[in-house]
Amino acid sequence: MKEIVDKLLAAESDAQTAVGQAQKQAQEIRAHAETEYSEGVTRAREDARVMLGGKIGAAREEAAKKYQAALESANAGNAKMWEEKKNLVSAVTNEVATFIVTPEYERE
């Protein structure tokens, strides 16, 4: 009877040891999986940041080109309008200046 109890206790001890080892291995596997997951997420975030950074830079560059083109177009339009109206502005300016400096009794 003692022999059966000893075998039973030994089997229980072996089972506890096996369960303990299995739990330890499961914890190691879980820790390894969590590390891999964390590293994967970190890599994905970095890849997304780089990709978005490139797209944002390209968008800024495109916006700057469009702004420059619009500015040049507006300046060209202003210059063209000035050339077309230069004589009229000069004539009106001369008329106003003459009106201001000419006494009222000498005006027609």
N, C-alpha and C. Protein backbone atom coordinates (compact mmCIF):
# COMPACT_ATOMS: atom_id res chain seq x y z
N MET A 1 0.81 -1.17 0.00
CA MET A 1 0.00 0.00 0.00
C MET A 1 0.88 1.26 0.00
N LYS A 2 1.91 1.20 0.84
CA LYS A 2 2.84 2.31 0.90
C LYS A 2 3.49 2.51 -0.46
N GLU A 3 3.77 1.45 -1.12
CA GLU A 3 4.39 1.53 -2.44
C GLU A 3 3.46 2.22 -3.43
N ILE A 4 2.20 1.95 -3.37
CA ILE A 4 1.21 2.58 -4.27
C ILE A 4 1.10 4.07 -3.95
N VAL A 5 1.08 4.40 -2.66
CA VAL A 5 0.99 5.82 -2.25
C VAL A 5 2.25 6.55 -2.69
N ASP A 6 3.42 5.91 -2.52
CA ASP A 6 4.67 6.53 -2.96
C ASP A 6 4.67 6.77 -4.46
N LYS A 7 4.20 5.78 -5.21
CA LYS A 7 4.13 5.92 -6.67
C LYS A 7 3.15 7.04 -7.04
N LEU A 8 2.05 7.10 -6.32
CA LEU A 8 1.05 8.13 -6.58
C LEU A 8 1.62 9.52 -6.27
N LEU A 9 2.32 9.66 -5.17
CA LEU A 9 2.95 10.94 -4.80
C LEU A 9 4.04 11.32 -5.79
N ALA A 10 4.79 10.32 -6.24
CA ALA A 10 5.84 10.57 -7.22
C ALA A 10 5.22 11.00 -8.55
N ALA A 11 4.13 10.33 -8.94
CA ALA A 11 3.43 10.70 -10.18
C ALA A 11 2.87 12.11 -10.07
N GLU A 12 2.30 12.44 -8.90
CA GLU A 12 1.76 13.79 -8.69
C GLU A 12 2.87 14.83 -8.75
N SER A 13 4.00 14.51 -8.14
CA SER A 13 5.15 15.41 -8.17
C SER A 13 5.65 15.60 -9.60
N ASP A 14 5.73 14.50 -10.35
CA ASP A 14 6.15 14.60 -11.76
C ASP A 14 5.16 15.43 -12.57
N ALA A 15 3.87 15.24 -12.29
CA ALA A 15 2.84 16.00 -13.00
C ALA A 15 2.96 17.48 -12.66
N GLN A 16 3.19 17.81 -11.40
CA GLN A 16 3.35 19.21 -11.00
C GLN A 16 4.58 19.82 -11.66
N THR A 17 5.64 19.04 -11.72
CA THR A 17 6.86 19.52 -12.38
C THR A 17 6.59 19.77 -13.86
N ALA A 18 5.90 18.83 -14.51
CA ALA A 18 5.57 18.97 -15.93
C ALA A 18 4.66 20.18 -16.15
N VAL A 19 3.67 20.35 -15.28
CA VAL A 19 2.76 21.51 -15.39
C VAL A 19 3.55 22.80 -15.19
N GLY A 20 4.43 22.81 -14.22
CA GLY A 20 5.26 24.00 -13.97
C GLY A 20 6.13 24.34 -15.17
N GLN A 21 6.73 23.32 -15.76
CA GLN A 21 7.56 23.55 -16.95
C GLN A 21 6.70 24.03 -18.11
N ALA A 22 5.52 23.45 -18.28
CA ALA A 22 4.62 23.87 -19.35
C ALA A 22 4.19 25.32 -19.15
N GLN A 23 3.90 25.70 -17.90
CA GLN A 23 3.52 27.08 -17.61
C GLN A 23 4.67 28.04 -17.91
N LYS A 24 5.87 27.62 -17.54
CA LYS A 24 7.05 28.45 -17.79
C LYS A 24 7.25 28.62 -19.29
N GLN A 25 7.13 27.52 -20.04
CA GLN A 25 7.28 27.60 -21.50
C GLN A 25 6.18 28.49 -22.10
N ALA A 26 4.96 28.35 -21.59
CA ALA A 26 3.85 29.18 -22.09
C ALA A 26 4.13 30.66 -21.82
N GLN A 27 4.67 30.98 -20.65
CA GLN A 27 5.01 32.37 -20.34
C GLN A 27 6.10 32.89 -21.27
N GLU A 28 7.10 32.04 -21.54
CA GLU A 28 8.18 32.45 -22.44
C GLU A 28 7.64 32.68 -23.84
N ILE A 29 6.77 31.77 -24.30
CA ILE A 29 6.18 31.92 -25.63
C ILE A 29 5.33 33.19 -25.69
N ARG A 30 4.54 33.43 -24.64
CA ARG A 30 3.70 34.63 -24.58
C ARG A 30 4.56 35.89 -24.59
N ALA A 31 5.63 35.90 -23.81
CA ALA A 31 6.52 37.06 -23.75
C ALA A 31 7.17 37.28 -25.11
N HIS A 32 7.60 36.21 -25.76
CA HIS A 32 8.22 36.32 -27.08
C HIS A 32 7.21 36.85 -28.10
N ALA A 33 5.98 36.33 -28.04
CA ALA A 33 4.94 36.79 -28.96
C ALA A 33 4.62 38.27 -28.73
N GLU A 34 4.54 38.68 -27.47
CA GLU A 34 4.27 40.09 -27.17
C GLU A 34 5.39 40.99 -27.68
N THR A 35 6.62 40.53 -27.53
CA THR A 35 7.77 41.30 -28.03
C THR A 35 7.71 41.42 -29.55
N GLU A 36 7.44 40.31 -30.23
CA GLU A 36 7.34 40.35 -31.69
C GLU A 36 6.20 41.26 -32.13
N TYR A 37 5.06 41.18 -31.43
CA TYR A 37 3.92 42.03 -31.75
C TYR A 37 4.28 43.50 -31.57
N SER A 38 4.91 43.80 -30.46
CA SER A 38 5.29 45.18 -30.17
C SER A 38 6.27 45.71 -31.22
N GLU A 39 7.24 44.89 -31.57
CA GLU A 39 8.21 45.29 -32.59
C GLU A 39 7.53 45.48 -33.94
N GLY A 40 6.58 44.60 -34.26
CA GLY A 40 5.83 44.73 -35.51
C GLY A 40 5.02 46.02 -35.57
N VAL A 41 4.37 46.33 -34.46
CA VAL A 41 3.59 47.56 -34.40
C VAL A 41 4.51 48.77 -34.53
N THR A 42 5.64 48.72 -33.85
CA THR A 42 6.60 49.83 -33.93
C THR A 42 7.10 50.01 -35.36
N ARG A 43 7.43 48.89 -36.02
CA ARG A 43 7.89 48.98 -37.42
C ARG A 43 6.78 49.53 -38.31
N ALA A 44 5.56 49.08 -38.10
CA ALA A 44 4.44 49.56 -38.92
C ALA A 44 4.22 51.05 -38.72
N ARG A 45 4.31 51.50 -37.47
CA ARG A 45 4.16 52.94 -37.21
C ARG A 45 5.26 53.74 -37.87
N GLU A 46 6.48 53.24 -37.79
CA GLU A 46 7.61 53.95 -38.41
C GLU A 46 7.44 53.98 -39.93
N ASP A 47 7.04 52.86 -40.51
CA ASP A 47 6.81 52.82 -41.96
C ASP A 47 5.71 53.81 -42.36
N ALA A 48 4.64 53.85 -41.57
CA ALA A 48 3.55 54.78 -41.86
C ALA A 48 4.02 56.22 -41.73
N ARG A 49 4.82 56.50 -40.71
CA ARG A 49 5.33 57.86 -40.51
C ARG A 49 6.20 58.29 -41.69
N VAL A 50 7.07 57.37 -42.13
CA VAL A 50 7.95 57.69 -43.26
C VAL A 50 7.11 57.91 -44.53
N MET A 51 6.15 57.02 -44.75
CA MET A 51 5.32 57.13 -45.94
C MET A 51 4.51 58.43 -45.92
N LEU A 52 3.89 58.74 -44.78
CA LEU A 52 3.12 59.97 -44.68
C LEU A 52 4.01 61.20 -44.77
N GLY A 53 5.19 61.10 -44.17
CA GLY A 53 6.13 62.23 -44.25
C GLY A 53 6.49 62.54 -45.68
N GLY A 54 6.71 61.50 -46.48
CA GLY A 54 7.02 61.70 -47.89
C GLY A 54 5.86 62.30 -48.64
N LYS A 55 4.65 61.81 -48.34
CA LYS A 55 3.47 62.34 -49.03
C LYS A 55 3.19 63.77 -48.60
N ILE A 56 3.38 64.06 -47.33
CA ILE A 56 3.17 65.43 -46.85
C ILE A 56 4.19 66.37 -47.49
N GLY A 57 5.43 65.93 -47.57
CA GLY A 57 6.46 66.74 -48.21
C GLY A 57 6.13 67.00 -49.67
N ALA A 58 5.68 65.96 -50.37
CA ALA A 58 5.31 66.11 -51.78
C ALA A 58 4.12 67.06 -51.93
N ALA A 59 3.15 66.95 -51.02
CA ALA A 59 1.98 67.83 -51.07
C ALA A 59 2.39 69.28 -50.81
N ARG A 60 3.29 69.48 -49.87
CA ARG A 60 3.77 70.85 -49.59
C ARG A 60 4.50 71.41 -50.80
N GLU A 61 5.32 70.58 -51.42
CA GLU A 61 6.06 71.03 -52.60
C GLU A 61 5.10 71.39 -53.73
N GLU A 62 4.09 70.56 -53.95
CA GLU A 62 3.10 70.83 -54.99
C GLU A 62 2.33 72.11 -54.68
N ALA A 63 1.96 72.30 -53.42
CA ALA A 63 1.25 73.52 -53.02
C ALA A 63 2.12 74.75 -53.24
N ALA A 64 3.40 74.64 -52.93
CA ALA A 64 4.31 75.77 -53.13
C ALA A 64 4.44 76.11 -54.61
N LYS A 65 4.49 75.07 -55.46
CA LYS A 65 4.57 75.31 -56.92
C LYS A 65 3.31 76.00 -57.42
N LYS A 66 2.15 75.54 -56.95
CA LYS A 66 0.89 76.14 -57.38
C LYS A 66 0.79 77.58 -56.88
N TYR A 67 1.23 77.81 -55.65
CA TYR A 67 1.22 79.17 -55.11
C TYR A 67 2.12 80.08 -55.94
N GLN A 68 3.31 79.59 -56.26
CA GLN A 68 4.25 80.38 -57.06
C GLN A 68 3.68 80.68 -58.44
N ALA A 69 3.05 79.68 -59.06
CA ALA A 69 2.46 79.88 -60.38
C ALA A 69 1.33 80.90 -60.31
N ALA A 70 0.48 80.82 -59.27
CA ALA A 70 -0.61 81.77 -59.11
C ALA A 70 -0.07 83.18 -58.86
N LEU A 71 0.99 83.27 -58.07
CA LEU A 71 1.60 84.57 -57.79
C LEU A 71 2.18 85.18 -59.07
N GLU A 72 2.87 84.37 -59.85
CA GLU A 72 3.45 84.86 -61.11
C GLU A 72 2.35 85.29 -62.07
N SER A 73 1.26 84.52 -62.11
CA SER A 73 0.14 84.87 -62.99
C SER A 73 -0.50 86.19 -62.55
N ALA A 74 -0.68 86.36 -61.24
CA ALA A 74 -1.26 87.60 -60.73
C ALA A 74 -0.35 88.78 -61.01
N ASN A 75 0.95 88.59 -60.82
CA ASN A 75 1.90 89.67 -61.11
C ASN A 75 1.90 90.02 -62.59
N ALA A 76 1.83 89.01 -63.44
CA ALA A 76 1.80 89.27 -64.88
C ALA A 76 0.51 90.02 -65.24
N GLY A 77 -0.62 89.62 -64.63
CA GLY A 77 -1.88 90.31 -64.89
C GLY A 77 -1.83 91.75 -64.42
N ASN A 78 -1.22 91.97 -63.26
CA ASN A 78 -1.08 93.34 -62.75
C ASN A 78 -0.20 94.18 -63.66
N ALA A 79 0.89 93.60 -64.11
CA ALA A 79 1.81 94.33 -65.01
C ALA A 79 1.11 94.66 -66.32
N LYS A 80 0.35 93.72 -66.85
CA LYS A 80 -0.37 93.95 -68.11
C LYS A 80 -1.41 95.05 -67.93
N MET A 81 -2.16 94.98 -66.81
CA MET A 81 -3.16 96.01 -66.56
C MET A 81 -2.50 97.38 -66.41
N TRP A 82 -1.37 97.43 -65.72
CA TRP A 82 -0.67 98.71 -65.55
C TRP A 82 -0.23 99.27 -66.90
N GLU A 83 0.31 98.39 -67.75
CA GLU A 83 0.74 98.85 -69.09
C GLU A 83 -0.45 99.37 -69.88
N GLU A 84 -1.59 98.69 -69.77
CA GLU A 84 -2.77 99.12 -70.53
C GLU A 84 -3.34 100.43 -69.98
N LYS A 85 -3.26 100.66 -68.70
CA LYS A 85 -3.88 101.82 -68.07
C LYS A 85 -2.89 102.92 -67.71
N LYS A 86 -1.61 102.71 -68.02
CA LYS A 86 -0.58 103.66 -67.62
C LYS A 86 -0.86 105.07 -68.16
N ASN A 87 -1.19 105.18 -69.42
CA ASN A 87 -1.44 106.50 -70.02
C ASN A 87 -2.66 107.16 -69.40
N LEU A 88 -3.71 106.38 -69.14
CA LEU A 88 -4.91 106.93 -68.54
C LEU A 88 -4.62 107.42 -67.12
N VAL A 89 -3.89 106.61 -66.33
CA VAL A 89 -3.54 107.01 -64.96
C VAL A 89 -2.68 108.27 -64.98
N SER A 90 -1.76 108.31 -65.91
CA SER A 90 -0.89 109.49 -66.01
C SER A 90 -1.71 110.73 -66.36
N ALA A 91 -2.64 110.59 -67.30
CA ALA A 91 -3.46 111.73 -67.70
C ALA A 91 -4.35 112.20 -66.55
N VAL A 92 -4.96 111.25 -65.84
CA VAL A 92 -5.82 111.61 -64.71
C VAL A 92 -4.99 112.26 -63.61
N THR A 93 -3.80 111.73 -63.36
CA THR A 93 -2.92 112.30 -62.34
C THR A 93 -2.54 113.73 -62.71
N ASN A 94 -2.22 113.96 -63.97
CA ASN A 94 -1.87 115.31 -64.41
C ASN A 94 -3.06 116.26 -64.26
N GLU A 95 -4.25 115.78 -64.60
CA GLU A 95 -5.45 116.61 -64.46
C GLU A 95 -5.70 116.97 -63.01
N VAL A 96 -5.57 116.00 -62.13
CA VAL A 96 -5.79 116.25 -60.70
C VAL A 96 -4.74 117.23 -60.18
N ALA A 97 -3.47 116.99 -60.54
CA ALA A 97 -2.40 117.89 -60.08
C ALA A 97 -2.65 119.30 -60.59
N THR A 98 -3.04 119.41 -61.84
CA THR A 98 -3.31 120.73 -62.41
C THR A 98 -4.48 121.39 -61.69
N PHE A 99 -5.50 120.63 -61.41
CA PHE A 99 -6.67 121.15 -60.70
C PHE A 99 -6.30 121.66 -59.32
N ILE A 100 -5.40 120.91 -58.65
CA ILE A 100 -5.02 121.28 -57.29
C ILE A 100 -4.16 122.55 -57.28
N VAL A 101 -3.22 122.65 -58.20
CA VAL A 101 -2.29 123.79 -58.16
C VAL A 101 -2.81 125.02 -58.90
N THR A 102 -3.83 124.85 -59.67
CA THR A 102 -4.38 126.01 -60.41
C THR A 102 -5.41 126.72 -59.52
N PRO A 103 -5.23 128.02 -59.34
CA PRO A 103 -6.22 128.75 -58.55
C PRO A 103 -7.60 128.68 -59.23
N GLU A 104 -8.61 128.81 -58.44
CA GLU A 104 -9.97 128.65 -58.94
C GLU A 104 -10.31 129.69 -59.99
N TYR A 105 -9.82 130.88 -59.85
CA TYR A 105 -10.16 131.93 -60.80
C TYR A 105 -9.51 131.71 -62.17
N GLU A 106 -8.42 130.85 -62.23
CA GLU A 106 -7.79 130.58 -63.52
C GLU A 106 -8.35 129.34 -64.21
N ARG A 107 -9.19 128.61 -63.55
CA ARG A 107 -9.79 127.38 -64.14
C ARG A 107 -10.85 127.77 -65.12
N GLU A 108 -11.02 127.04 -66.16
CA GLU A 108 -12.02 127.31 -67.17
C GLU A 108 -13.37 126.83 -66.79
